[in-house]
C-alpha atoms as a PDB file:
ATOM      1  CA  MET A   1       0.000   0.000   0.000  1.00  0.00           C
ATOM      2  CA  VAL A   2       2.832   2.360   0.878  1.00  0.00           C
ATOM      3  CA  ALA A   3       4.638   1.587  -2.386  1.00  0.00           C
ATOM      4  CA  ARG A   4       1.467   2.248  -4.337  1.00  0.00           C
ATOM      5  CA  LYS A   5       0.966   5.625  -2.684  1.00  0.00           C
ATOM      6  CA  SER A   6       4.550   6.660  -3.429  1.00  0.00           C
ATOM      7  CA  ALA A   7       3.838   6.102  -7.124  1.00  0.00           C
ATOM      8  CA  GLN A   8       0.924   8.516  -7.050  1.00  0.00           C
ATOM      9  CA  SER A   9       2.668  11.790  -6.397  1.00  0.00           C
ATOM     10  CA  THR A  10       6.136  13.295  -6.350  1.00  0.00           C
ATOM     11  CA  SER A  11       5.343  14.832  -2.965  1.00  0.00           C
ATOM     12  CA  GLU A  12       3.551  12.011  -1.093  1.00  0.00           C
ATOM     13  CA  ASN A  13       6.724  10.857   0.652  1.00  0.00           C
ATOM     14  CA  ARG A  14       6.763  14.164   2.530  1.00  0.00           C
ATOM     15  CA  PRO A  15       4.544  14.484   5.623  1.00  0.00           C
ATOM     16  CA  GLY A  16       1.511  16.638   4.990  1.00  0.00           C
ATOM     17  CA  ALA A  17       1.923  16.602   1.205  1.00  0.00           C
ATOM     18  CA  PRO A  18      -1.387  16.468  -0.729  1.00  0.00           C
ATOM     19  CA  THR A  19      -2.349  13.013  -1.950  1.00  0.00           C
ATOM     20  CA  LEU A  20      -4.585  11.515  -4.589  1.00  0.00           C
ATOM     21  CA  ASP A  21      -7.164  10.963  -1.836  1.00  0.00           C
ATOM     22  CA  ASP A  22      -7.142  14.716  -1.130  1.00  0.00           C
ATOM     23  CA  VAL A  23      -7.875  15.424  -4.782  1.00  0.00           C
ATOM     24  CA  ALA A  24     -10.657  12.827  -4.701  1.00  0.00           C
ATOM     25  CA  ARG A  25     -12.222  14.417  -1.614  1.00  0.00           C
ATOM     26  CA  VAL A  26     -12.131  17.952  -3.063  1.00  0.00           C
ATOM     27  CA  SER A  27     -13.383  16.940  -6.506  1.00  0.00           C
ATOM     28  CA  GLY A  28     -15.997  14.439  -5.352  1.00  0.00           C
ATOM     29  CA  LEU A  29     -14.549  11.875  -7.764  1.00  0.00           C
ATOM     30  CA  SER A  30     -13.033   8.463  -7.130  1.00  0.00           C
ATOM     31  CA  PRO A  31      -9.232   8.001  -7.123  1.00  0.00           C
ATOM     32  CA  ILE A  32      -9.607   5.662 -10.117  1.00  0.00           C
ATOM     33  CA  THR A  33     -11.387   8.354 -12.132  1.00  0.00           C
ATOM     34  CA  ILE A  34      -8.718  10.904 -11.222  1.00  0.00           C
ATOM     35  CA  SER A  35      -5.952   8.500 -12.215  1.00  0.00           C
ATOM     36  CA  ARG A  36      -7.667   7.881 -15.539  1.00  0.00           C
ATOM     37  CA  ALA A  37      -8.041  11.628 -16.151  1.00  0.00           C
ATOM     38  CA  LEU A  38      -4.318  12.141 -15.524  1.00  0.00           C
ATOM     39  CA  ASN A  39      -3.033   9.188 -17.530  1.00  0.00           C
ATOM     40  CA  HIS A  40      -5.680   8.752 -20.240  1.00  0.00           C
ATOM     41  CA  PRO A  41      -7.474  12.113 -20.653  1.00  0.00           C
ATOM     42  CA  HIS A  42      -8.897  11.125 -24.066  1.00  0.00           C
ATOM     43  CA  MET A  43     -10.975   8.489 -22.239  1.00  0.00           C
ATOM     44  CA  VAL A  44     -12.530  11.006 -19.827  1.00  0.00           C
ATOM     45  CA  ARG A  45     -15.208  13.634 -20.368  1.00  0.00           C
ATOM     46  CA  PRO A  46     -13.946  17.239 -20.581  1.00  0.00           C
ATOM     47  CA  GLN A  47     -16.137  18.217 -17.599  1.00  0.00           C
ATOM     48  CA  THR A  48     -14.455  15.545 -15.473  1.00  0.00           C
ATOM     49  CA  ILE A  49     -10.997  16.734 -16.472  1.00  0.00           C
ATOM     50  CA  GLU A  50     -11.992  20.280 -15.488  1.00  0.00           C
ATOM     51  CA  LYS A  51     -13.035  19.044 -12.034  1.00  0.00           C
ATOM     52  CA  VAL A  52      -9.771  17.142 -11.594  1.00  0.00           C
ATOM     53  CA  ASN A  53      -7.658  20.118 -12.673  1.00  0.00           C
ATOM     54  CA  ALA A  54      -9.568  22.434 -10.345  1.00  0.00           C
ATOM     55  CA  ALA A  55      -9.055  20.054  -7.408  1.00  0.00           C
ATOM     56  CA  ILE A  56      -5.347  19.688  -8.201  1.00  0.00           C
ATOM     57  CA  ALA A  57      -5.006  23.465  -8.253  1.00  0.00           C
ATOM     58  CA  LEU A  58      -6.766  23.771  -4.856  1.00  0.00           C
ATOM     59  CA  THR A  59      -4.812  20.997  -3.145  1.00  0.00           C
ATOM     60  CA  GLY A  60      -1.410  21.571  -4.709  1.00  0.00           C
ATOM     61  CA  TYR A  61      -1.166  17.882  -5.634  1.00  0.00           C
ATOM     62  CA  ILE A  62       1.729  17.079  -7.989  1.00  0.00           C
ATOM     63  CA  PRO A  63       1.169  13.949 -10.116  1.00  0.00           C
ATOM     64  CA  ASN A  64       4.221  11.697 -10.496  1.00  0.00           C
ATOM     65  CA  LEU A  65       3.911  10.936 -14.196  1.00  0.00           C
ATOM     66  CA  LEU A  66       7.219   9.074 -14.184  1.00  0.00           C
ATOM     67  CA  ALA A  67       6.029   6.646 -11.507  1.00  0.00           C
ATOM     68  CA  GLY A  68       2.785   6.117 -13.377  1.00  0.00           C
ATOM     69  CA  GLY A  69       4.792   5.482 -16.500  1.00  0.00           C
ATOM     70  CA  LEU A  70       6.884   2.852 -14.689  1.00  0.00           C
ATOM     71  CA  ALA A  71       3.739   1.095 -13.561  1.00  0.00           C
ATOM     72  CA  SER A  72       2.399   0.957 -17.115  1.00  0.00           C
ATOM     73  CA  LYS A  73       5.847   0.560 -18.705  1.00  0.00           C
ATOM     74  CA  ARG A  74       5.296   3.890 -20.467  1.00  0.00           C
ATOM     75  CA  SER A  75       7.095   7.177 -20.020  1.00  0.00           C
ATOM     76  CA  LYS A  76       4.327   9.252 -21.658  1.00  0.00           C
ATOM     77  CA  MET A  77       7.117  11.058 -23.508  1.00  0.00           C
ATOM     78  CA  ILE A  78       7.423  11.401 -27.277  1.00  0.00           C
ATOM     79  CA  ALA A  79      10.764  12.619 -28.625  1.00  0.00           C
ATOM     80  CA  VAL A  80      10.501  14.837 -31.708  1.00  0.00           C
ATOM     81  CA  ALA A  81      13.636  15.647 -33.717  1.00  0.00           C
ATOM     82  CA  VAL A  82      13.490  18.608 -36.099  1.00  0.00           C
ATOM     83  CA  PRO A  83      16.371  20.325 -37.935  1.00  0.00           C
ATOM     84  CA  GLN A  84      15.717  23.822 -36.583  1.00  0.00           C
ATOM     85  CA  ILE A  85      13.122  25.577 -34.458  1.00  0.00           C
ATOM     86  CA  ASN A  86      13.594  28.893 -36.282  1.00  0.00           C
ATOM     87  CA  ASN A  87      12.492  27.405 -39.605  1.00  0.00           C
ATOM     88  CA  ALA A  88       8.915  28.633 -40.082  1.00  0.00           C
ATOM     89  CA  MET A  89       8.177  25.632 -42.302  1.00  0.00           C
ATOM     90  CA  PHE A  90       8.068  23.243 -39.330  1.00  0.00           C
ATOM     91  CA  VAL A  91       6.379  25.413 -36.683  1.00  0.00           C
ATOM     92  CA  ASP A  92       2.740  24.548 -37.488  1.00  0.00           C
ATOM     93  CA  SER A  93       3.505  20.826 -37.695  1.00  0.00           C
ATOM     94  CA  ILE A  94       5.298  20.876 -34.333  1.00  0.00           C
ATOM     95  CA  GLN A  95       2.485  22.790 -32.626  1.00  0.00           C
ATOM     96  CA  ALA A  96      -0.217  20.511 -34.074  1.00  0.00           C
ATOM     97  CA  LEU A  97       1.805  17.455 -33.058  1.00  0.00           C
ATOM     98  CA  SER A  98       2.197  18.737 -29.489  1.00  0.00           C
ATOM     99  CA  ASP A  99      -1.496  19.621 -29.210  1.00  0.00           C
ATOM    100  CA  GLN A 100      -2.629  16.225 -30.497  1.00  0.00           C
ATOM    101  CA  LEU A 101      -0.229  14.332 -28.235  1.00  0.00           C
ATOM    102  CA  ALA A 102      -1.660  16.241 -25.272  1.00  0.00           C
ATOM    103  CA  VAL A 103      -5.134  15.007 -26.187  1.00  0.00           C
ATOM    104  CA  TYR A 104      -3.859  11.468 -25.616  1.00  0.00           C
ATOM    105  CA  GLY A 105      -2.065  12.403 -22.393  1.00  0.00           C
ATOM    106  CA  TYR A 106       1.454  12.374 -23.840  1.00  0.00           C
ATOM    107  CA  HIS A 107       4.137  15.057 -23.714  1.00  0.00           C
ATOM    108  CA  MET A 108       6.572  16.150 -26.396  1.00  0.00           C
ATOM    109  CA  LEU A 109      10.315  16.411 -25.911  1.00  0.00           C
ATOM    110  CA  LEU A 110      11.490  18.707 -28.714  1.00  0.00           C
ATOM    111  CA  CYS A 111      15.046  18.109 -29.937  1.00  0.00           C
ATOM    112  CA  LEU A 112      17.007  20.158 -32.459  1.00  0.00           C
ATOM    113  CA  ALA A 113      18.986  17.789 -34.656  1.00  0.00           C
ATOM    114  CA  GLY A 114      20.329  20.155 -37.316  1.00  0.00           C
ATOM    115  CA  TYR A 115      20.574  19.068 -40.940  1.00  0.00           C
ATOM    116  CA  ALA A 116      23.558  16.717 -40.593  1.00  0.00           C
ATOM    117  CA  GLN A 117      22.648  13.018 -40.364  1.00  0.00           C
ATOM    118  CA  GLN A 118      25.493  12.389 -37.917  1.00  0.00           C
ATOM    119  CA  SER A 119      24.125  15.007 -35.521  1.00  0.00           C
ATOM    120  CA  GLU A 120      20.685  13.434 -35.696  1.00  0.00           C
ATOM    121  CA  GLU A 121      22.182   9.994 -35.009  1.00  0.00           C
ATOM    122  CA  GLN A 122      24.001  11.194 -31.888  1.00  0.00           C
ATOM    123  CA  LEU A 123      20.973  13.067 -30.578  1.00  0.00           C
ATOM    124  CA  VAL A 124      18.439  10.277 -31.101  1.00  0.00           C
ATOM    125  CA  SER A 125      20.828   7.664 -29.685  1.00  0.00           C
ATOM    126  CA  ALA A 126      21.065   9.744 -26.497  1.00  0.00           C
ATOM    127  CA  ILE A 127      17.278  10.096 -26.377  1.00  0.00           C
ATOM    128  CA  LEU A 128      16.771   6.337 -26.661  1.00  0.00           C
ATOM    129  CA  SER A 129      18.528   5.864 -23.314  1.00  0.00           C
ATOM    130  CA  ARG A 130      15.708   7.859 -21.721  1.00  0.00           C
ATOM    131  CA  LYS A 131      13.122   5.336 -22.946  1.00  0.00           C
ATOM    132  CA  PRO A 132      10.645   7.490 -24.900  1.00  0.00           C
ATOM    133  CA  ASP A 133       7.383   5.804 -25.846  1.00  0.00           C
ATOM    134  CA  GLY A 134       7.802   6.969 -29.449  1.00  0.00           C
ATOM    135  CA  ILE A 135       9.989   9.027 -31.737  1.00  0.00           C
ATOM    136  CA  VAL A 136       9.183  11.463 -34.548  1.00  0.00           C
ATOM    137  CA  LEU A 137      11.930  12.152 -37.094  1.00  0.00           C
ATOM    138  CA  THR A 138      11.982  14.816 -39.791  1.00  0.00           C
ATOM    139  CA  GLY A 139      12.660  13.376 -43.245  1.00  0.00           C
ATOM    140  CA  ILE A 140      13.575   9.879 -44.379  1.00  0.00           C
ATOM    141  CA  ASN A 141      17.353  10.074 -44.752  1.00  0.00           C
ATOM    142  CA  HIS A 142      19.162   8.837 -41.662  1.00  0.00           C
ATOM    143  CA  THR A 143      22.415   7.015 -40.970  1.00  0.00           C
ATOM    144  CA  GLN A 144      22.339   3.220 -41.231  1.00  0.00           C
ATOM    145  CA  LEU A 145      23.454   2.975 -37.606  1.00  0.00           C
ATOM    146  CA  LEU A 146      20.499   5.061 -36.420  1.00  0.00           C
ATOM    147  CA  LYS A 147      18.056   2.961 -38.443  1.00  0.00           C
ATOM    148  CA  LYS A 148      19.553  -0.207 -36.966  1.00  0.00           C
ATOM    149  CA  ARG A 149      19.289   1.103 -33.403  1.00  0.00           C
ATOM    150  CA  LEU A 150      15.671   2.138 -33.884  1.00  0.00           C
ATOM    151  CA  LEU A 151      14.736  -1.230 -35.351  1.00  0.00           C
ATOM    152  CA  LEU A 152      16.502  -3.104 -32.533  1.00  0.00           C
ATOM    153  CA  THR A 153      14.793  -1.112 -29.785  1.00  0.00           C
ATOM    154  CA  GLY A 154      11.376  -1.593 -31.349  1.00  0.00           C
ATOM    155  CA  VAL A 155      10.266   1.901 -30.313  1.00  0.00           C
ATOM    156  CA  PRO A 156       7.463   3.182 -32.600  1.00  0.00           C
ATOM    157  CA  VAL A 157       8.787   5.750 -35.098  1.00  0.00           C
ATOM    158  CA  VAL A 158       7.039   8.208 -37.402  1.00  0.00           C
ATOM    159  CA  GLU A 159       8.982  10.035 -40.102  1.00  0.00           C
ATOM    160  CA  ILE A 160       7.400  13.280 -41.307  1.00  0.00           C
ATOM    161  CA  TRP A 161       7.714  15.815 -44.136  1.00  0.00           C
ATOM    162  CA  ASP A 162       8.764  13.293 -46.775  1.00  0.00           C
ATOM    163  CA  LEU A 163       7.521  10.225 -48.629  1.00  0.00           C
ATOM    164  CA  THR A 164       8.938   6.774 -49.317  1.00  0.00           C
ATOM    165  CA  PRO A 165       7.433   3.282 -49.737  1.00  0.00           C
ATOM    166  CA  THR A 166       9.952   1.957 -47.199  1.00  0.00           C
ATOM    167  CA  PRO A 167       9.822   3.980 -43.960  1.00  0.00           C
ATOM    168  CA  ILE A 168      11.543   2.802 -40.802  1.00  0.00           C
ATOM    169  CA  ASP A 169       8.109   2.213 -39.274  1.00  0.00           C
ATOM    170  CA  MET A 170       5.422   4.798 -40.117  1.00  0.00           C
ATOM    171  CA  LEU A 171       5.386   7.974 -42.199  1.00  0.00           C
ATOM    172  CA  VAL A 172       3.306  11.123 -42.736  1.00  0.00           C
ATOM    173  CA  GLY A 173       4.333  13.456 -45.542  1.00  0.00           C
ATOM    174  CA  PHE A 174       4.273  14.196 -49.244  1.00  0.00           C
ATOM    175  CA  SER A 175       6.419  13.780 -52.349  1.00  0.00           C
ATOM    176  CA  HIS A 176       8.961  16.551 -52.830  1.00  0.00           C
ATOM    177  CA  GLU A 177       9.765  15.118 -56.256  1.00  0.00           C
ATOM    178  CA  LYS A 178       6.136  15.514 -57.354  1.00  0.00           C
ATOM    179  CA  VAL A 179       6.123  19.060 -55.984  1.00  0.00           C
ATOM    180  CA  GLY A 180       9.102  19.848 -58.217  1.00  0.00           C
ATOM    181  CA  ASN A 181       7.410  18.220 -61.218  1.00  0.00           C
ATOM    182  CA  ASP A 182       4.244  20.269 -60.680  1.00  0.00           C
ATOM    183  CA  ILE A 183       6.164  23.538 -60.290  1.00  0.00           C
ATOM    184  CA  ALA A 184       7.945  22.853 -63.579  1.00  0.00           C
ATOM    185  CA  GLY A 185       4.703  22.000 -65.350  1.00  0.00           C
ATOM    186  CA  TYR A 186       2.960  25.100 -64.040  1.00  0.00           C
ATOM    187  CA  LEU A 187       5.718  27.520 -65.055  1.00  0.00           C
ATOM    188  CA  MET A 188       6.241  25.875 -68.447  1.00  0.00           C
ATOM    189  CA  GLY A 189       2.507  26.129 -69.030  1.00  0.00           C
ATOM    190  CA  LYS A 190       2.720  29.871 -68.349  1.00  0.00           C
ATOM    191  CA  GLY A 191       5.343  30.187 -71.076  1.00  0.00           C
ATOM    192  CA  TYR A 192       8.406  30.764 -68.901  1.00  0.00           C
ATOM    193  CA  ARG A 193      11.654  29.280 -70.177  1.00  0.00           C
ATOM    194  CA  ARG A 194      14.608  31.247 -68.710  1.00  0.00           C
ATOM    195  CA  PHE A 195      14.759  30.040 -65.123  1.00  0.00           C
ATOM    196  CA  GLY A 196      17.002  30.851 -62.197  1.00  0.00           C
ATOM    197  CA  MET A 197      16.941  29.351 -58.696  1.00  0.00           C
ATOM    198  CA  VAL A 198      17.562  30.648 -55.174  1.00  0.00           C
ATOM    199  CA  TRP A 199      17.792  27.476 -53.152  1.00  0.00           C
ATOM    200  CA  ALA A 200      18.338  26.474 -49.525  1.00  0.00           C
ATOM    201  CA  ASP A 201      20.955  23.845 -48.869  1.00  0.00           C
ATOM    202  CA  ASP A 202      18.875  20.994 -47.411  1.00  0.00           C
ATOM    203  CA  GLU A 203      18.064  17.507 -48.664  1.00  0.00           C
ATOM    204  CA  ARG A 204      14.303  17.908 -49.129  1.00  0.00           C
ATOM    205  CA  ALA A 205      14.782  21.112 -51.118  1.00  0.00           C
ATOM    206  CA  GLU A 206      17.300  19.245 -53.274  1.00  0.00           C
ATOM    207  CA  ILE A 207      14.715  16.566 -54.070  1.00  0.00           C
ATOM    208  CA  ARG A 208      12.306  19.289 -55.210  1.00  0.00           C
ATOM    209  CA  ARG A 209      15.050  20.808 -57.369  1.00  0.00           C
ATOM    210  CA  GLN A 210      15.664  17.452 -59.033  1.00  0.00           C
ATOM    211  CA  GLY A 211      11.924  17.175 -59.655  1.00  0.00           C
ATOM    212  CA  ILE A 212      11.941  20.566 -61.368  1.00  0.00           C
ATOM    213  CA  LEU A 213      14.915  19.613 -63.538  1.00  0.00           C
ATOM    214  CA  ALA A 214      13.166  16.389 -64.549  1.00  0.00           C
ATOM    215  CA  GLY A 215      10.038  18.375 -65.415  1.00  0.00           C
ATOM    216  CA  VAL A 216      11.785  20.871 -67.706  1.00  0.00           C
ATOM    217  CA  LYS A 217      14.149  18.405 -69.375  1.00  0.00           C
ATOM    218  CA  PRO A 218      11.614  17.245 -72.023  1.00  0.00           C
ATOM    219  CA  HIS A 219      11.449  20.896 -73.156  1.00  0.00           C
ATOM    220  CA  GLY A 220      15.175  21.007 -73.859  1.00  0.00           C
ATOM    221  CA  ILE A 221      16.180  22.699 -70.611  1.00  0.00           C
ATOM    222  CA  THR A 222      19.019  20.676 -69.110  1.00  0.00           C
ATOM    223  CA  ASP A 223      20.345  23.076 -66.485  1.00  0.00           C
ATOM    224  CA  ILE A 224      19.103  25.986 -64.402  1.00  0.00           C
ATOM    225  CA  PRO A 225      21.474  28.545 -62.853  1.00  0.00           C
ATOM    226  CA  ILE A 226      21.296  28.313 -59.069  1.00  0.00           C
ATOM    227  CA  ILE A 227      22.381  30.342 -56.060  1.00  0.00           C
ATOM    228  CA  ARG A 228      22.564  28.194 -52.945  1.00  0.00           C
ATOM    229  CA  VAL A 229      21.917  29.731 -49.540  1.00  0.00           C
ATOM    230  CA  PRO A 230      22.300  28.330 -46.013  1.00  0.00           C
ATOM    231  CA  THR A 231      19.426  27.334 -43.783  1.00  0.00           C
ATOM    232  CA  PRO A 232      17.237  28.720 -42.375  1.00  0.00           C
ATOM    233  CA  ALA A 233      16.081  30.493 -45.522  1.00  0.00           C
ATOM    234  CA  ILE A 234      15.255  34.139 -44.736  1.00  0.00           C
ATOM    235  CA  LEU A 235      14.162  37.152 -46.759  1.00  0.00           C
ATOM    236  CA  GLU A 236      17.627  38.755 -46.848  1.00  0.00           C
ATOM    237  CA  LEU A 237      19.095  35.616 -48.425  1.00  0.00           C
ATOM    238  CA  GLY A 238      16.458  35.854 -51.155  1.00  0.00           C
ATOM    239  CA  ARG A 239      17.528  39.425 -51.874  1.00  0.00           C
ATOM    240  CA  GLN A 240      21.173  38.393 -52.034  1.00  0.00           C
ATOM    241  CA  GLY A 241      20.285  35.467 -54.250  1.00  0.00           C
ATOM    242  CA  LEU A 242      18.683  37.672 -56.903  1.00  0.00           C
ATOM    243  CA  VAL A 243      21.655  40.068 -56.781  1.00  0.00           C
ATOM    244  CA  GLN A 244      24.010  37.157 -57.456  1.00  0.00           C
ATOM    245  CA  LEU A 245      21.876  35.781 -60.269  1.00  0.00           C
ATOM    246  CA  MET A 246      21.725  39.194 -61.947  1.00  0.00           C
ATOM    247  CA  ALA A 247      25.515  39.503 -61.590  1.00  0.00           C
ATOM    248  CA  THR A 248      25.933  36.473 -63.893  1.00  0.00           C
ATOM    249  CA  GLY A 249      24.763  38.627 -66.809  1.00  0.00           C
ATOM    250  CA  GLN A 250      22.138  36.065 -67.803  1.00  0.00           C
ATOM    251  CA  SER A 251      18.558  36.946 -68.599  1.00  0.00           C
ATOM    252  CA  PHE A 252      15.736  35.404 -66.531  1.00  0.00           C
ATOM    253  CA  ASP A 253      11.981  35.435 -66.864  1.00  0.00           C
ATOM    254  CA  ALA A 254      11.243  33.338 -63.738  1.00  0.00           C
ATOM    255  CA  ILE A 255      13.026  32.760 -60.425  1.00  0.00           C
ATOM    256  CA  ILE A 256      12.103  29.600 -58.512  1.00  0.00           C
ATOM    257  CA  CYS A 257      12.769  29.622 -54.773  1.00  0.00           C
ATOM    258  CA  SER A 258      12.910  26.778 -52.274  1.00  0.00           C
ATOM    259  CA  SER A 259      10.755  28.712 -49.789  1.00  0.00           C
ATOM    260  CA  ASP A 260       8.331  31.611 -49.573  1.00  0.00           C
ATOM    261  CA  ALA A 261      10.788  33.593 -47.435  1.00  0.00           C
ATOM    262  CA  LEU A 262      13.356  33.480 -50.239  1.00  0.00           C
ATOM    263  CA  ALA A 263      10.671  34.306 -52.811  1.00  0.00           C
ATOM    264  CA  GLN A 264       9.653  37.388 -50.841  1.00  0.00           C
ATOM    265  CA  GLY A 265      13.283  38.465 -50.700  1.00  0.00           C
ATOM    266  CA  VAL A 266      13.576  38.112 -54.483  1.00  0.00           C
ATOM    267  CA  ILE A 267      10.414  40.191 -54.928  1.00  0.00           C
ATOM    268  CA  VAL A 268      11.741  42.920 -52.624  1.00  0.00           C
ATOM    269  CA  GLU A 269      15.082  43.047 -54.445  1.00  0.00           C
ATOM    270  CA  ALA A 270      13.364  43.097 -57.815  1.00  0.00           C
ATOM    271  CA  GLY A 271      11.318  46.108 -56.722  1.00  0.00           C
ATOM    272  CA  ILE A 272      14.434  47.933 -55.539  1.00  0.00           C
ATOM    273  CA  ASN A 273      15.964  47.414 -58.981  1.00  0.00           C
ATOM    274  CA  GLY A 274      12.849  48.570 -60.825  1.00  0.00           C
ATOM    275  CA  ILE A 275      11.977  45.079 -62.065  1.00  0.00           C
ATOM    276  CA  SER A 276       8.228  44.489 -62.214  1.00  0.00           C
ATOM    277  CA  VAL A 277       6.897  41.200 -60.808  1.00  0.00           C
ATOM    278  CA  PRO A 278       5.416  39.377 -62.655  1.00  0.00           C
ATOM    279  CA  ALA A 279       5.426  41.533 -65.798  1.00  0.00           C
ATOM    280  CA  GLU A 280       9.225  41.311 -66.186  1.00  0.00           C
ATOM    281  CA  LEU A 281      10.105  38.560 -63.758  1.00  0.00           C
ATOM    282  CA  ALA A 282       7.960  35.785 -62.291  1.00  0.00           C
ATOM    283  CA  VAL A 283       8.720  34.443 -58.812  1.00  0.00           C
ATOM    284  CA  MET A 284       7.700  31.052 -57.391  1.00  0.00           C
ATOM    285  CA  GLY A 285       7.912  30.008 -53.740  1.00  0.00           C
ATOM    286  CA  PHE A 286       7.181  26.945 -51.615  1.00  0.00           C
ATOM    287  CA  GLY A 287       5.386  26.299 -48.333  1.00  0.00           C
ATOM    288  CA  ASP A 288       2.476  28.785 -48.450  1.00  0.00           C
ATOM    289  CA  LEU A 289       3.586  30.528 -45.270  1.00  0.00           C
ATOM    290  CA  ASP A 290       1.204  32.921 -43.539  1.00  0.00           C
ATOM    291  CA  PHE A 291       2.389  36.013 -45.403  1.00  0.00           C
ATOM    292  CA  ALA A 292       2.389  34.499 -48.910  1.00  0.00           C
ATOM    293  CA  HIS A 293      -1.205  35.325 -49.804  1.00  0.00           C
ATOM    294  CA  CYS A 294      -1.178  38.883 -48.464  1.00  0.00           C
ATOM    295  CA  CYS A 295       2.024  40.200 -50.080  1.00  0.00           C
ATOM    296  CA  SER A 296       1.887  42.542 -53.035  1.00  0.00           C
ATOM    297  CA  PRO A 297       2.173  40.796 -55.366  1.00  0.00           C
ATOM    298  CA  SER A 298       0.890  37.685 -53.607  1.00  0.00           C
ATOM    299  CA  ILE A 299       3.280  34.760 -53.918  1.00  0.00           C
ATOM    300  CA  SER A 300       2.577  31.790 -56.172  1.00  0.00           C
ATOM    301  CA  THR A 301       3.610  28.815 -54.076  1.00  0.00           C
ATOM    302  CA  VAL A 302       2.857  25.245 -52.998  1.00  0.00           C
ATOM    303  CA  HIS A 303       0.518  24.700 -50.056  1.00  0.00           C
ATOM    304  CA  ILE A 304       1.330  21.946 -47.570  1.00  0.00           C
ATOM    305  CA  ASP A 305      -1.164  21.075 -44.832  1.00  0.00           C
ATOM    306  CA  LYS A 306       1.439  21.433 -42.099  1.00  0.00           C
ATOM    307  CA  LYS A 307      -1.032  20.985 -39.242  1.00  0.00           C
ATOM    308  CA  ALA A 308      -2.368  17.759 -40.733  1.00  0.00           C
ATOM    309  CA  ILE A 309       1.161  16.341 -40.778  1.00  0.00           C
ATOM    310  CA  GLY A 310       1.509  16.893 -37.025  1.00  0.00           C
ATOM    311  CA  GLN A 311      -1.976  15.657 -36.158  1.00  0.00           C
ATOM    312  CA  ARG A 312      -1.813  12.505 -38.278  1.00  0.00           C
ATOM    313  CA  ALA A 313       1.670  11.699 -36.989  1.00  0.00           C
ATOM    314  CA  ALA A 314       0.397  11.871 -33.395  1.00  0.00           C
ATOM    315  CA  ASP A 315      -2.660   9.753 -34.203  1.00  0.00           C
ATOM    316  CA  ILE A 316      -0.834   6.818 -35.759  1.00  0.00           C
ATOM    317  CA  LEU A 317       2.055   6.966 -33.286  1.00  0.00           C
ATOM    318  CA  ILE A 318      -0.170   6.797 -30.205  1.00  0.00           C
ATOM    319  CA  ALA A 319      -2.340   4.129 -31.816  1.00  0.00           C
ATOM    320  CA  LYS A 320       0.703   1.911 -32.247  1.00  0.00           C
ATOM    321  CA  ILE A 321       2.039   2.655 -28.764  1.00  0.00           C
ATOM    322  CA  GLU A 322      -1.293   1.700 -27.203  1.00  0.00           C
ATOM    323  CA  GLY A 323      -1.735  -1.429 -29.304  1.00  0.00           C
ATOM    324  CA  ARG A 324      -4.574  -0.167 -31.486  1.00  0.00           C
ATOM    325  CA  PRO A 325      -4.635  -1.011 -35.213  1.00  0.00           C
ATOM    326  CA  VAL A 326      -3.020   1.447 -37.627  1.00  0.00           C
ATOM    327  CA  ALA A 327      -4.951   1.377 -40.909  1.00  0.00           C
ATOM    328  CA  ASN A 328      -2.139   2.879 -42.974  1.00  0.00           C
ATOM    329  CA  ASN A 329       1.460   3.188 -41.859  1.00  0.00           C
ATOM    330  CA  ILE A 330       2.130   5.579 -44.779  1.00  0.00           C
ATOM    331  CA  VAL A 331       0.006   8.734 -44.952  1.00  0.00           C
ATOM    332  CA  ASP A 332       0.386  11.006 -47.988  1.00  0.00           C
ATOM    333  CA  VAL A 333      -1.129  14.411 -47.116  1.00  0.00           C
ATOM    334  CA  GLY A 334      -0.480  15.668 -50.659  1.00  0.00           C
ATOM    335  CA  PHE A 335      -0.024  19.301 -51.661  1.00  0.00           C
ATOM    336  CA  LYS A 336      -1.702  22.036 -53.685  1.00  0.00           C
ATOM    337  CA  LEU A 337      -0.124  24.485 -56.092  1.00  0.00           C
ATOM    338  CA  MET A 338      -1.369  27.999 -55.314  1.00  0.00           C
ATOM    339  CA  ALA A 339      -1.462  30.148 -58.448  1.00  0.00           C
ATOM    340  CA  ARG A 340      -1.250  33.781 -57.352  1.00  0.00           C
ATOM    341  CA  GLN A 341       0.066  37.085 -58.679  1.00  0.00           C
ATOM    342  CA  SER A 342       3.849  36.578 -58.619  1.00  0.00           C
ATOM    343  CA  ALA A 343       3.884  33.858 -61.311  1.00  0.00           C
END
């Protein structure tokens, strides 16, 4: 009995510390109901959760989620590895993922892995020692050692923001190659032929670039001048990218950018140089960030349902952790080309 009580709260070993029974007395609910509300909130009515939270606030009770996790062999922690937190492209997915995990009573441990596979390997290997219930990885390209470790541990894994028929475990994303193909088809259909690129140096952007090159090749275009910029892609780098492209002395009728931030920078720099967009120069972005539709001119781009990626990743990950069937271990959220004023 004593051992069971010590697993209920981080403070119950101290004399006079509030207990689960105190919360039950104040809320008028049974200890079992309170335990269920704390550990499995998706199984409890919202009104009940409100009562439990109010009683916890009044009593000062501190749930010991780690002890509860030991009892159920779950830590209630999901590790999420993303390249950068200051990349606006991932923010909505991360927030949606965190919100959806909370619905199931799980917490997110956010880890910044950078863009180097070796850094991701070291980070995730360290996380595995802390026994997370699941792991979310950005992209599908990882070191062989990391893949081996994940497979050996058997921890459920969801890869996001990419697409492959052979994920480590589960996947929620879209095809960057198809995005590139569609961008090429759209711009070729508009009559543009003299392309330049301002492109961030990351692997998913590179897949989109290859998709664009494959899309224009049948029209006799075998190469597109490119200015590569570091990540994260910001407006100023877009401005610098157009300056460098113009310095080559080549003539362009469309600039394709790996993100909306770079596209906005190109548009700003074009305006400074008296170049009309799109009359003299078309500009294409990617990501459909919040500002893309309200710029002047508005940015033609590719819309990704970033929130859906986070929500669906949480859904299938928790389903697998809790032993429920996962209908599809590969979820393609697709994309939509947004034809606006800039191209």
